[in-house]
C-alpha atoms as a PDB file:
ATOM      1  CA  MET A   1      24.641-164.131 -67.719  1.00  0.00           C
ATOM      2  CA  PRO A   2      23.104-163.491 -64.788  1.00  0.00           C
ATOM      3  CA  HIS A   3      23.749-167.379 -64.071  1.00  0.00           C
ATOM      4  CA  ARG A   4      27.115-167.600 -64.222  1.00  0.00           C
ATOM      5  CA  LEU A   5      27.166-164.453 -61.539  1.00  0.00           C
ATOM      6  CA  ALA A   6      24.410-166.575 -60.021  1.00  0.00           C
ATOM      7  CA  LEU A   7      26.991-169.044 -59.349  1.00  0.00           C
ATOM      8  CA  LEU A   8      30.001-167.783 -58.145  1.00  0.00           C
ATOM      9  CA  LEU A   9      28.305-166.124 -55.344  1.00  0.00           C
ATOM     10  CA  ALA A  10      27.159-169.732 -54.941  1.00  0.00           C
ATOM     11  CA  VAL A  11      30.475-171.156 -55.500  1.00  0.00           C
ATOM     12  CA  LEU A  12      31.842-168.962 -52.072  1.00  0.00           C
ATOM     13  CA  LEU A  13      31.287-171.459 -49.107  1.00  0.00           C
ATOM     14  CA  ALA A  14      34.761-171.891 -47.897  1.00  0.00           C
ATOM     15  CA  ALA A  15      35.489-172.031 -44.317  1.00  0.00           C
ATOM     16  CA  ALA A  16      38.194-169.800 -42.289  1.00  0.00           C
ATOM     17  CA  PRO A  17      41.327-172.063 -42.008  1.00  0.00           C
ATOM     18  CA  ALA A  18      41.090-174.270 -38.640  1.00  0.00           C
ATOM     19  CA  GLY A  19      43.215-171.754 -36.909  1.00  0.00           C
ATOM     20  CA  ALA A  20      46.068-173.618 -34.848  1.00  0.00           C
ATOM     21  CA  LEU A  21      47.591-170.054 -35.113  1.00  0.00           C
ATOM     22  CA  VAL A  22      45.213-167.702 -33.893  1.00  0.00           C
ATOM     23  CA  PHE A  23      46.413-164.325 -32.749  1.00  0.00           C
ATOM     24  CA  GLU A  24      43.646-162.172 -30.648  1.00  0.00           C
ATOM     25  CA  ASP A  25      45.662-159.956 -27.849  1.00  0.00           C
ATOM     26  CA  GLY A  26      45.606-156.505 -29.432  1.00  0.00           C
ATOM     27  CA  GLY A  27      49.920-157.744 -29.824  1.00  0.00           C
ATOM     28  CA  VAL A  28      52.682-157.347 -32.913  1.00  0.00           C
ATOM     29  CA  HIS A  29      53.078-160.511 -34.554  1.00  0.00           C
ATOM     30  CA  LEU A  30      55.438-162.016 -36.963  1.00  0.00           C
ATOM     31  CA  VAL A  31      55.159-165.395 -38.490  1.00  0.00           C
ATOM     32  CA  ASP A  32      58.166-166.581 -39.934  1.00  0.00           C
ATOM     33  CA  THR A  33      57.967-170.141 -39.899  1.00  0.00           C
ATOM     34  CA  PRO A  34      55.787-172.554 -41.707  1.00  0.00           C
ATOM     35  CA  VAL A  35      52.011-173.561 -40.732  1.00  0.00           C
ATOM     36  CA  PRO A  36      51.557-176.896 -42.643  1.00  0.00           C
ATOM     37  CA  GLY A  37      48.310-179.485 -42.543  1.00  0.00           C
ATOM     38  CA  LYS A  38      45.277-177.790 -41.902  1.00  0.00           C
ATOM     39  CA  ASP A  39      45.945-175.504 -39.215  1.00  0.00           C
ATOM     40  CA  GLY A  40      46.109-171.587 -41.146  1.00  0.00           C
ATOM     41  CA  VAL A  41      46.711-168.335 -39.235  1.00  0.00           C
ATOM     42  CA  GLU A  42      43.603-166.684 -37.357  1.00  0.00           C
ATOM     43  CA  VAL A  43      43.790-162.659 -36.884  1.00  0.00           C
ATOM     44  CA  ASN A  44      40.913-161.229 -34.110  1.00  0.00           C
ATOM     45  CA  ASP A  45      40.922-158.366 -32.337  1.00  0.00           C
ATOM     46  CA  GLY A  46      42.585-158.326 -28.806  1.00  0.00           C
ATOM     47  CA  PRO A  47      40.521-157.377 -25.193  1.00  0.00           C
ATOM     48  CA  GLY A  48      38.068-153.622 -25.908  1.00  0.00           C
ATOM     49  CA  PRO A  49      38.551-152.374 -29.727  1.00  0.00           C
ATOM     50  CA  THR A  50      42.355-153.467 -29.578  1.00  0.00           C
ATOM     51  CA  ALA A  51      43.718-153.761 -33.710  1.00  0.00           C
ATOM     52  CA  THR A  52      46.340-156.805 -33.931  1.00  0.00           C
ATOM     53  CA  THR A  53      48.570-156.513 -36.193  1.00  0.00           C
ATOM     54  CA  VAL A  54      50.513-160.069 -37.898  1.00  0.00           C
ATOM     55  CA  THR A  55      53.311-159.924 -40.280  1.00  0.00           C
ATOM     56  CA  VAL A  56      53.526-163.575 -42.499  1.00  0.00           C
ATOM     57  CA  SER A  57      56.597-164.168 -43.757  1.00  0.00           C
ATOM     58  CA  ALA A  58      56.167-168.256 -44.989  1.00  0.00           C
ATOM     59  CA  LEU A  59      54.523-171.076 -45.583  1.00  0.00           C
ATOM     60  CA  VAL A  60      50.947-171.070 -44.358  1.00  0.00           C
ATOM     61  CA  GLU A  61      49.389-174.125 -46.178  1.00  0.00           C
ATOM     62  CA  ALA A  62      45.626-173.599 -44.696  1.00  0.00           C
ATOM     63  CA  GLY A  63      45.018-169.762 -45.933  1.00  0.00           C
ATOM     64  CA  VAL A  64      44.335-166.960 -43.270  1.00  0.00           C
ATOM     65  CA  PHE A  65      42.178-165.371 -41.901  1.00  0.00           C
ATOM     66  CA  VAL A  66      41.550-161.753 -39.825  1.00  0.00           C
ATOM     67  CA  THR A  67      38.859-159.956 -38.686  1.00  0.00           C
ATOM     68  CA  GLY A  68      36.990-157.274 -36.587  1.00  0.00           C
ATOM     69  CA  ILE A  69      40.063-154.129 -37.597  1.00  0.00           C
ATOM     70  CA  SER A  70      42.925-156.142 -36.473  1.00  0.00           C
ATOM     71  CA  ALA A  71      45.490-155.899 -39.065  1.00  0.00           C
ATOM     72  CA  VAL A  72      47.308-158.842 -41.680  1.00  0.00           C
ATOM     73  CA  THR A  73      50.363-158.201 -43.635  1.00  0.00           C
ATOM     74  CA  LEU A  74      51.717-161.623 -46.288  1.00  0.00           C
ATOM     75  CA  ALA A  75      55.105-160.084 -46.999  1.00  0.00           C
ATOM     76  CA  ALA A  76      56.691-162.623 -49.705  1.00  0.00           C
ATOM     77  CA  ALA A  77      54.408-165.149 -48.122  1.00  0.00           C
ATOM     78  CA  THR A  78      52.403-168.875 -49.456  1.00  0.00           C
ATOM     79  CA  SER A  79      48.933-169.130 -48.247  1.00  0.00           C
ATOM     80  CA  GLY A  80      48.058-172.508 -49.704  1.00  0.00           C
ATOM     81  CA  SER A  81      44.637-171.831 -49.602  1.00  0.00           C
ATOM     82  CA  SER A  82      42.218-168.618 -49.528  1.00  0.00           C
ATOM     83  CA  VAL A  83      42.697-165.305 -47.861  1.00  0.00           C
ATOM     84  CA  PHE A  84      39.660-163.688 -46.222  1.00  0.00           C
ATOM     85  CA  ALA A  85      39.677-160.142 -44.195  1.00  0.00           C
ATOM     86  CA  LEU A  86      35.773-159.301 -43.362  1.00  0.00           C
ATOM     87  CA  ASP A  87      34.877-156.367 -40.337  1.00  0.00           C
ATOM     88  CA  GLU A  88      36.394-153.502 -40.970  1.00  0.00           C
ATOM     89  CA  ALA A  89      40.338-155.506 -41.521  1.00  0.00           C
ATOM     90  CA  THR A  90      42.729-154.347 -43.188  1.00  0.00           C
ATOM     91  CA  LEU A  91      44.657-156.330 -45.699  1.00  0.00           C
ATOM     92  CA  THR A  92      47.553-156.539 -47.450  1.00  0.00           C
ATOM     93  CA  VAL A  93      49.072-158.978 -49.845  1.00  0.00           C
ATOM     94  CA  ALA A  94      52.650-158.002 -51.521  1.00  0.00           C
ATOM     95  CA  ASN A  95      55.430-160.026 -53.832  1.00  0.00           C
ATOM     96  CA  SER A  96      53.659-163.705 -52.446  1.00  0.00           C
ATOM     97  CA  ASP A  97      51.205-166.320 -53.879  1.00  0.00           C
ATOM     98  CA  VAL A  98      47.771-166.984 -53.383  1.00  0.00           C
ATOM     99  CA  GLY A  99      47.095-171.095 -53.901  1.00  0.00           C
ATOM    100  CA  ASN A 100      42.791-170.246 -53.821  1.00  0.00           C
ATOM    101  CA  ASP A 101      40.854-167.479 -53.611  1.00  0.00           C
ATOM    102  CA  VAL A 102      41.460-163.496 -52.045  1.00  0.00           C
ATOM    103  CA  PHE A 103      38.242-162.125 -50.621  1.00  0.00           C
ATOM    104  CA  ALA A 104      36.756-159.303 -48.466  1.00  0.00           C
ATOM    105  CA  ASN A 105      33.583-158.313 -46.892  1.00  0.00           C
ATOM    106  CA  ASP A 106      31.471-156.090 -45.450  1.00  0.00           C
ATOM    107  CA  GLN A 107      33.874-153.132 -45.272  1.00  0.00           C
ATOM    108  CA  ALA A 108      37.107-154.559 -45.121  1.00  0.00           C
ATOM    109  CA  GLN A 109      39.985-153.240 -46.824  1.00  0.00           C
ATOM    110  CA  VAL A 110      42.813-156.018 -48.596  1.00  0.00           C
ATOM    111  CA  PHE A 111      45.685-154.514 -51.302  1.00  0.00           C
ATOM    112  CA  VAL A 112      47.665-157.079 -53.612  1.00  0.00           C
ATOM    113  CA  HIS A 113      50.730-156.434 -54.811  1.00  0.00           C
ATOM    114  CA  ASP A 114      52.589-158.241 -57.001  1.00  0.00           C
ATOM    115  CA  THR A 115      50.961-161.432 -56.493  1.00  0.00           C
ATOM    116  CA  ASP A 116      49.742-164.031 -58.159  1.00  0.00           C
ATOM    117  CA  VAL A 117      46.307-164.960 -56.720  1.00  0.00           C
ATOM    118  CA  PHE A 118      45.160-168.886 -57.852  1.00  0.00           C
ATOM    119  CA  ASN A 119      41.735-168.341 -58.885  1.00  0.00           C
ATOM    120  CA  ASN A 120      39.562-165.037 -57.793  1.00  0.00           C
ATOM    121  CA  ILE A 121      39.153-162.546 -56.485  1.00  0.00           C
ATOM    122  CA  PHE A 122      35.796-161.423 -54.708  1.00  0.00           C
ATOM    123  CA  ALA A 123      34.622-158.120 -52.538  1.00  0.00           C
ATOM    124  CA  LEU A 124      31.191-158.057 -51.289  1.00  0.00           C
ATOM    125  CA  GLY A 125      29.141-155.897 -49.053  1.00  0.00           C
ATOM    126  CA  TYR A 126      31.216-151.845 -48.728  1.00  0.00           C
ATOM    127  CA  ALA A 127      34.443-153.731 -49.092  1.00  0.00           C
ATOM    128  CA  GLU A 128      37.745-152.181 -51.191  1.00  0.00           C
ATOM    129  CA  ILE A 129      40.330-154.138 -53.243  1.00  0.00           C
ATOM    130  CA  ASP A 130      43.090-152.692 -54.600  1.00  0.00           C
ATOM    131  CA  VAL A 131      44.928-154.624 -56.782  1.00  0.00           C
ATOM    132  CA  SER A 132      48.415-153.843 -58.884  1.00  0.00           C
ATOM    133  CA  ALA A 133      51.087-155.411 -61.027  1.00  0.00           C
ATOM    134  CA  SER A 134      49.672-159.340 -59.717  1.00  0.00           C
ATOM    135  CA  ARG A 135      48.086-161.947 -61.970  1.00  0.00           C
ATOM    136  CA  ILE A 136      44.149-163.308 -61.556  1.00  0.00           C
ATOM    137  CA  GLY A 137      43.889-166.776 -62.298  1.00  0.00           C
ATOM    138  CA  ASP A 138      45.923-169.690 -63.158  1.00  0.00           C
ATOM    139  CA  PRO A 139      45.604-171.123 -67.067  1.00  0.00           C
ATOM    140  CA  THR A 140      43.801-175.006 -65.745  1.00  0.00           C
ATOM    141  CA  GLU A 141      41.517-172.097 -63.282  1.00  0.00           C
ATOM    142  CA  THR A 142      39.651-169.569 -63.314  1.00  0.00           C
ATOM    143  CA  GLY A 143      40.625-165.908 -62.964  1.00  0.00           C
ATOM    144  CA  ASP A 144      37.627-164.056 -62.178  1.00  0.00           C
ATOM    145  CA  VAL A 145      37.255-160.533 -60.412  1.00  0.00           C
ATOM    146  CA  PHE A 146      33.995-159.578 -58.936  1.00  0.00           C
ATOM    147  CA  ALA A 147      32.202-157.399 -56.872  1.00  0.00           C
ATOM    148  CA  ASN A 148      29.195-157.147 -55.747  1.00  0.00           C
ATOM    149  CA  GLU A 149      26.537-155.455 -52.505  1.00  0.00           C
ATOM    150  CA  SER A 150      28.852-151.919 -52.979  1.00  0.00           C
ATOM    151  CA  ALA A 151      32.020-153.658 -53.224  1.00  0.00           C
ATOM    152  CA  THR A 152      34.624-151.634 -55.273  1.00  0.00           C
ATOM    153  CA  ILE A 153      37.422-153.004 -56.499  1.00  0.00           C
ATOM    154  CA  THR A 154      40.679-151.184 -58.217  1.00  0.00           C
ATOM    155  CA  ILE A 155      42.653-153.334 -60.985  1.00  0.00           C
ATOM    156  CA  HIS A 156      45.937-151.276 -61.183  1.00  0.00           C
ATOM    157  CA  SER A 157      48.080-151.535 -64.922  1.00  0.00           C
ATOM    158  CA  ALA A 158      50.684-154.207 -64.847  1.00  0.00           C
ATOM    159  CA  SER A 159      48.146-156.790 -63.714  1.00  0.00           C
ATOM    160  CA  LEU A 160      46.767-159.801 -65.991  1.00  0.00           C
ATOM    161  CA  VAL A 161      42.866-161.100 -65.004  1.00  0.00           C
ATOM    162  CA  ARG A 162      42.955-164.266 -67.317  1.00  0.00           C
ATOM    163  CA  ASP A 163      39.218-164.219 -67.497  1.00  0.00           C
ATOM    164  CA  ASN A 164      36.059-162.111 -66.476  1.00  0.00           C
ATOM    165  CA  VAL A 165      35.668-158.928 -64.644  1.00  0.00           C
ATOM    166  CA  PHE A 166      32.143-158.561 -63.180  1.00  0.00           C
ATOM    167  CA  THR A 167      30.183-156.064 -61.387  1.00  0.00           C
ATOM    168  CA  ASN A 168      26.747-156.799 -59.804  1.00  0.00           C
ATOM    169  CA  ASP A 169      24.206-155.257 -57.309  1.00  0.00           C
ATOM    170  CA  THR A 170      25.766-151.697 -56.297  1.00  0.00           C
ATOM    171  CA  ALA A 171      28.925-152.615 -56.800  1.00  0.00           C
ATOM    172  CA  LEU A 172      32.362-150.416 -58.764  1.00  0.00           C
ATOM    173  CA  ILE A 173      34.402-151.310 -60.654  1.00  0.00           C
ATOM    174  CA  ARG A 174      37.832-149.202 -62.290  1.00  0.00           C
ATOM    175  CA  VAL A 175      39.707-151.145 -64.520  1.00  0.00           C
ATOM    176  CA  GLN A 176      42.662-148.109 -65.142  1.00  0.00           C
ATOM    177  CA  GLY A 177      45.526-150.495 -67.496  1.00  0.00           C
ATOM    178  CA  ALA A 178      44.639-154.132 -66.658  1.00  0.00           C
ATOM    179  CA  GLN A 179      44.728-156.698 -69.290  1.00  0.00           C
ATOM    180  CA  ILE A 180      41.708-158.778 -69.219  1.00  0.00           C
ATOM    181  CA  GLY A 181      41.633-161.625 -70.991  1.00  0.00           C
ATOM    182  CA  GLY A 182      37.370-162.251 -70.983  1.00  0.00           C
ATOM    183  CA  ARG A 183      34.412-159.927 -70.983  1.00  0.00           C
ATOM    184  CA  LEU A 184      33.409-157.326 -68.664  1.00  0.00           C
ATOM    185  CA  PHE A 185      30.261-158.031 -67.243  1.00  0.00           C
ATOM    186  CA  ALA A 186      28.084-155.055 -65.275  1.00  0.00           C
ATOM    187  CA  ASN A 187      24.875-156.335 -64.333  1.00  0.00           C
ATOM    188  CA  GLY A 188      21.684-155.346 -61.815  1.00  0.00           C
ATOM    189  CA  MET A 189      22.489-151.149 -60.363  1.00  0.00           C
ATOM    190  CA  SER A 190      26.736-151.998 -60.944  1.00  0.00           C
ATOM    191  CA  GLN A 191      29.076-149.625 -62.705  1.00  0.00           C
ATOM    192  CA  ILE A 192      32.986-150.188 -64.879  1.00  0.00           C
ATOM    193  CA  ASP A 193      35.174-147.792 -65.561  1.00  0.00           C
ATOM    194  CA  LEU A 194      37.423-148.578 -68.310  1.00  0.00           C
ATOM    195  CA  SER A 195      40.416-146.372 -68.932  1.00  0.00           C
ATOM    196  CA  GLY A 196      43.539-148.624 -69.174  1.00  0.00           C
ATOM    197  CA  GLY A 197      44.109-152.194 -70.357  1.00  0.00           C
ATOM    198  CA  SER A 198      42.602-154.375 -73.243  1.00  0.00           C
ATOM    199  CA  VAL A 199      39.883-156.736 -73.338  1.00  0.00           C
ATOM    200  CA  GLY A 200      40.294-160.303 -75.023  1.00  0.00           C
ATOM    201  CA  GLU A 201      36.469-161.033 -76.058  1.00  0.00           C
ATOM    202  CA  GLU A 202      33.467-158.335 -75.211  1.00  0.00           C
ATOM    203  CA  ILE A 203      32.211-155.327 -73.188  1.00  0.00           C
ATOM    204  CA  GLU A 204      28.340-156.680 -71.969  1.00  0.00           C
ATOM    205  CA  ALA A 205      25.667-153.984 -69.514  1.00  0.00           C
ATOM    206  CA  ASN A 206      22.902-156.334 -68.471  1.00  0.00           C
ATOM    207  CA  GLY A 207      19.951-154.072 -65.651  1.00  0.00           C
ATOM    208  CA  THR A 208      20.495-151.059 -65.551  1.00  0.00           C
ATOM    209  CA  SER A 209      23.917-151.262 -65.034  1.00  0.00           C
ATOM    210  CA  THR A 210      26.648-148.620 -66.929  1.00  0.00           C
ATOM    211  CA  VAL A 211      30.059-148.942 -68.387  1.00  0.00           C
ATOM    212  CA  ARG A 212      31.793-146.188 -68.453  1.00  0.00           C
ATOM    213  CA  ILE A 213      34.587-145.712 -71.399  1.00  0.00           C
ATOM    214  CA  LEU A 214      37.022-142.967 -71.108  1.00  0.00           C
ATOM    215  CA  GLY A 215      39.371-141.742 -73.668  1.00  0.00           C
ATOM    216  CA  ALA A 216      39.515-140.087 -76.949  1.00  0.00           C
ATOM    217  CA  ASP A 217      38.886-141.201 -80.992  1.00  0.00           C
ATOM    218  CA  PHE A 218      35.476-142.893 -80.338  1.00  0.00           C
ATOM    219  CA  ALA A 219      33.819-144.704 -83.003  1.00  0.00           C
ATOM    220  CA  VAL A 220      31.013-147.655 -83.270  1.00  0.00           C
ATOM    221  CA  ASP A 221      31.044-149.586 -86.200  1.00  0.00           C
ATOM    222  CA  GLY A 222      33.265-147.652 -87.489  1.00  0.00           C
ATOM    223  CA  VAL A 223      31.337-144.625 -87.230  1.00  0.00           C
ATOM    224  CA  PRO A 224      32.933-141.649 -84.971  1.00  0.00           C
ATOM    225  CA  THR A 225      30.664-141.420 -82.367  1.00  0.00           C
ATOM    226  CA  PRO A 226      30.393-138.522 -79.927  1.00  0.00           C
ATOM    227  CA  PHE A 227      30.673-138.316 -75.934  1.00  0.00           C
ATOM    228  CA  GLY A 228      28.096-139.608 -74.271  1.00  0.00           C
ATOM    229  CA  ALA A 229      25.400-142.912 -73.963  1.00  0.00           C
ATOM    230  CA  VAL A 230      25.990-144.810 -77.351  1.00  0.00           C
ATOM    231  CA  SER A 231      22.204-145.724 -78.760  1.00  0.00           C
ATOM    232  CA  ALA A 232      23.774-148.728 -80.249  1.00  0.00           C
ATOM    233  CA  LEU A 233      22.904-152.125 -78.653  1.00  0.00           C
ATOM    234  CA  SER A 234      25.021-154.085 -80.355  1.00  0.00           C
ATOM    235  CA  GLY A 235      28.594-153.355 -82.406  1.00  0.00           C
ATOM    236  CA  THR A 236      31.613-152.947 -82.272  1.00  0.00           C
ATOM    237  CA  LEU A 237      33.289-150.177 -80.198  1.00  0.00           C
ATOM    238  CA  THR A 238      37.189-148.490 -81.646  1.00  0.00           C
ATOM    239  CA  GLY A 239      39.422-146.086 -79.555  1.00  0.00           C
ATOM    240  CA  THR A 240      42.213-145.033 -77.642  1.00  0.00           C
ATOM    241  CA  LEU A 241      41.867-145.273 -73.735  1.00  0.00           C
ATOM    242  CA  SER A 242      42.508-142.086 -71.781  1.00  0.00           C
ATOM    243  CA  GLU A 243      45.953-144.798 -70.164  1.00  0.00           C
ATOM    244  CA  GLY A 244      47.003-145.103 -74.519  1.00  0.00           C
ATOM    245  CA  SER A 245      46.211-148.388 -75.235  1.00  0.00           C
ATOM    246  CA  PRO A 246      43.435-148.636 -78.486  1.00  0.00           C
ATOM    247  CA  LEU A 247      40.414-149.876 -78.117  1.00  0.00           C
ATOM    248  CA  ASP A 248      38.749-152.429 -80.169  1.00  0.00           C
ATOM    249  CA  VAL A 249      36.074-154.909 -78.557  1.00  0.00           C
ATOM    250  CA  PRO A 250      32.555-156.253 -79.616  1.00  0.00           C
ATOM    251  CA  PHE A 251      30.039-154.878 -76.701  1.00  0.00           C
ATOM    252  CA  SER A 252      26.103-155.684 -76.177  1.00  0.00           C
ATOM    253  CA  ARG A 253      23.823-154.141 -74.225  1.00  0.00           C
ATOM    254  CA  ASP A 254      20.262-154.120 -72.191  1.00  0.00           C
ATOM    255  CA  GLU A 255      17.710-151.695 -73.163  1.00  0.00           C
ATOM    256  CA  THR A 256      17.852-150.778 -69.660  1.00  0.00           C
ATOM    257  CA  ALA A 257      21.256-150.372 -69.737  1.00  0.00           C
ATOM    258  CA  SER A 258      24.678-147.748 -70.043  1.00  0.00           C
ATOM    259  CA  LEU A 259      26.907-147.292 -71.984  1.00  0.00           C
ATOM    260  CA  LEU A 260      29.167-144.637 -71.525  1.00  0.00           C
ATOM    261  CA  LEU A 261      31.472-142.708 -73.358  1.00  0.00           C
ATOM    262  CA  VAL A 262      34.091-139.679 -71.457  1.00  0.00           C
ATOM    263  CA  ALA A 263      36.898-137.781 -72.623  1.00  0.00           C
ATOM    264  CA  ALA A 264      39.726-138.407 -71.260  1.00  0.00           C
ATOM    265  CA  PRO A 265      40.451-135.684 -68.260  1.00  0.00           C
ATOM    266  CA  GLU A 266      42.903-132.926 -69.549  1.00  0.00           C
ATOM    267  CA  PRO A 267      46.697-133.577 -66.901  1.00  0.00           C
ATOM    268  CA  ALA A 268      45.554-130.069 -65.823  1.00  0.00           C
ATOM    269  CA  GLY A 269      42.254-131.917 -64.915  1.00  0.00           C
ATOM    270  CA  LEU A 270      43.136-135.303 -63.538  1.00  0.00           C
ATOM    271  CA  LEU A 271      43.148-134.672 -59.855  1.00  0.00           C
ATOM    272  CA  MET A 272      39.247-133.341 -60.025  1.00  0.00           C
ATOM    273  CA  TRP A 273      38.571-136.313 -62.063  1.00  0.00           C
ATOM    274  CA  VAL A 274      40.430-138.774 -59.239  1.00  0.00           C
ATOM    275  CA  VAL A 275      38.138-136.905 -56.634  1.00  0.00           C
ATOM    276  CA  GLY A 276      34.945-137.624 -59.071  1.00  0.00           C
ATOM    277  CA  ALA A 277      35.223-141.385 -58.818  1.00  0.00           C
ATOM    278  CA  ALA A 278      36.148-141.306 -55.530  1.00  0.00           C
ATOM    279  CA  VAL A 279      32.955-139.773 -54.208  1.00  0.00           C
ATOM    280  CA  LEU A 280      31.000-142.137 -57.448  1.00  0.00           C
ATOM    281  CA  ALA A 281      31.843-144.924 -55.920  1.00  0.00           C
ATOM    282  CA  ALA A 282      31.252-143.879 -52.070  1.00  0.00           C
ATOM    283  CA  ALA A 283      27.819-145.389 -51.228  1.00  0.00           C
ATOM    284  CA  PRO A 284      26.089-144.526 -47.921  1.00  0.00           C
ATOM    285  CA  ARG A 285      27.991-147.090 -46.005  1.00  0.00           C
ATOM    286  CA  PRO A 286      26.256-148.379 -42.605  1.00  0.00           C
ATOM    287  CA  PRO A 287      27.135-147.353 -39.008  1.00  0.00           C
ATOM    288  CA  ARG A 288      30.811-148.826 -37.650  1.00  0.00           C
ATOM    289  CA  ARG A 289      29.797-151.508 -35.542  1.00  0.00           C
ATOM    290  CA  ARG A 290      30.885-153.876 -32.663  1.00  0.00           C
ATOM    291  CA  ARG A 291      32.545-157.241 -34.685  1.00  0.00           C
ATOM    292  CA  ALA A 292      30.932-159.643 -34.068  1.00  0.00           C
ATOM    293  CA  PRO A 293      32.712-162.689 -31.970  1.00  0.00           C
ATOM    294  CA  ALA A 294      34.913-164.760 -33.803  1.00  0.00           C
ATOM    295  CA  ALA A 295      32.824-167.483 -33.612  1.00  0.00           C
ATOM    296  CA  ALA A 296      30.389-165.574 -35.949  1.00  0.00           C
ATOM    297  CA  SER A 297      32.508-164.755 -37.652  1.00  0.00           C
ATOM    298  CA  ARG A 298      34.337-167.619 -39.045  1.00  0.00           C
ATOM    299  CA  ALA A 299      30.011-168.681 -39.827  1.00  0.00           C
ATOM    300  CA  THR A 300      29.974-165.209 -41.543  1.00  0.00           C
ATOM    301  CA  ALA A 301      32.681-166.516 -43.885  1.00  0.00           C
ATOM    302  CA  ARG A 302      32.075-170.256 -43.747  1.00  0.00           C
ATOM    303  CA  GLY A 303      28.812-168.895 -45.579  1.00  0.00           C
ATOM    304  CA  CYS A 304      30.200-166.779 -48.702  1.00  0.00           C
ATOM    305  CA  GLY A 305      33.363-167.133 -48.507  1.00  0.00           C
ATOM    306  CA  PRO A 306      35.692-168.869 -51.081  1.00  0.00           C
ATOM    307  CA  ARG A 307      36.317-172.476 -51.611  1.00  0.00           C
ATOM    308  CA  SER A 308      39.156-173.565 -50.295  1.00  0.00           C
ATOM    309  CA  SER A 309      41.630-176.197 -52.415  1.00  0.00           C
END
């Protein structure tokens, strides 16, 4: 499946919104009237190390772009195209609609809650995305979740991913209760943790990746299987995930990849498991740096961002 991963990266080609509505004064702003046409909302830092904070509660046809250390919140809003967070920016999308992709790069933090995302969710470059009670993908479009380059994505219960969940490089994705319509696919040195929900098609681990399944009562092709590494290269895995959902899914792995069965944490040990997961996700991060000028940030988005609708 590496060619599919390469294709996903290749389609990250869109620019940030044209930016006719620009906020870069370090102030606090509200956008509560529609922003039509090709003019999106662009938010940059103010003078010096001063964040700009913007709340959007209206239609923005061309999408939203935030960079630096600034913050944007979409609250009961509609973005007609993609939403971008770059550098160390924070983007929160709640009870809203995103007409294309959600994209985070370079240590950005993104929160997606109770939101319909028309296409995909992408995280790269140490970015972190937290998804809860949201729907990823439209029946007529792709609906993938993809993490690359040491990024981390956590998908909580009550979420729906219509297609696939991918990791690559040294990225980490935690699936804690979502319904996955397609496959879980780990590549490179990445990791996927599955502790709840369901997988519609199969689990696949390539390269030197690791897929961890947290739960109990595991069996491979009907044969009870102890916790630890699964020796089979393919088969059908059954059991009960730690969140309580039944598991019954085909799997395959490279000889160099790992499929690990992990005991569900007892309630008393849950906090320790959470702390352990946080430590696992914490890779060495590059030192904090001053953001690039807005023009350079836009160029980054044009080279790496999702394709606009």
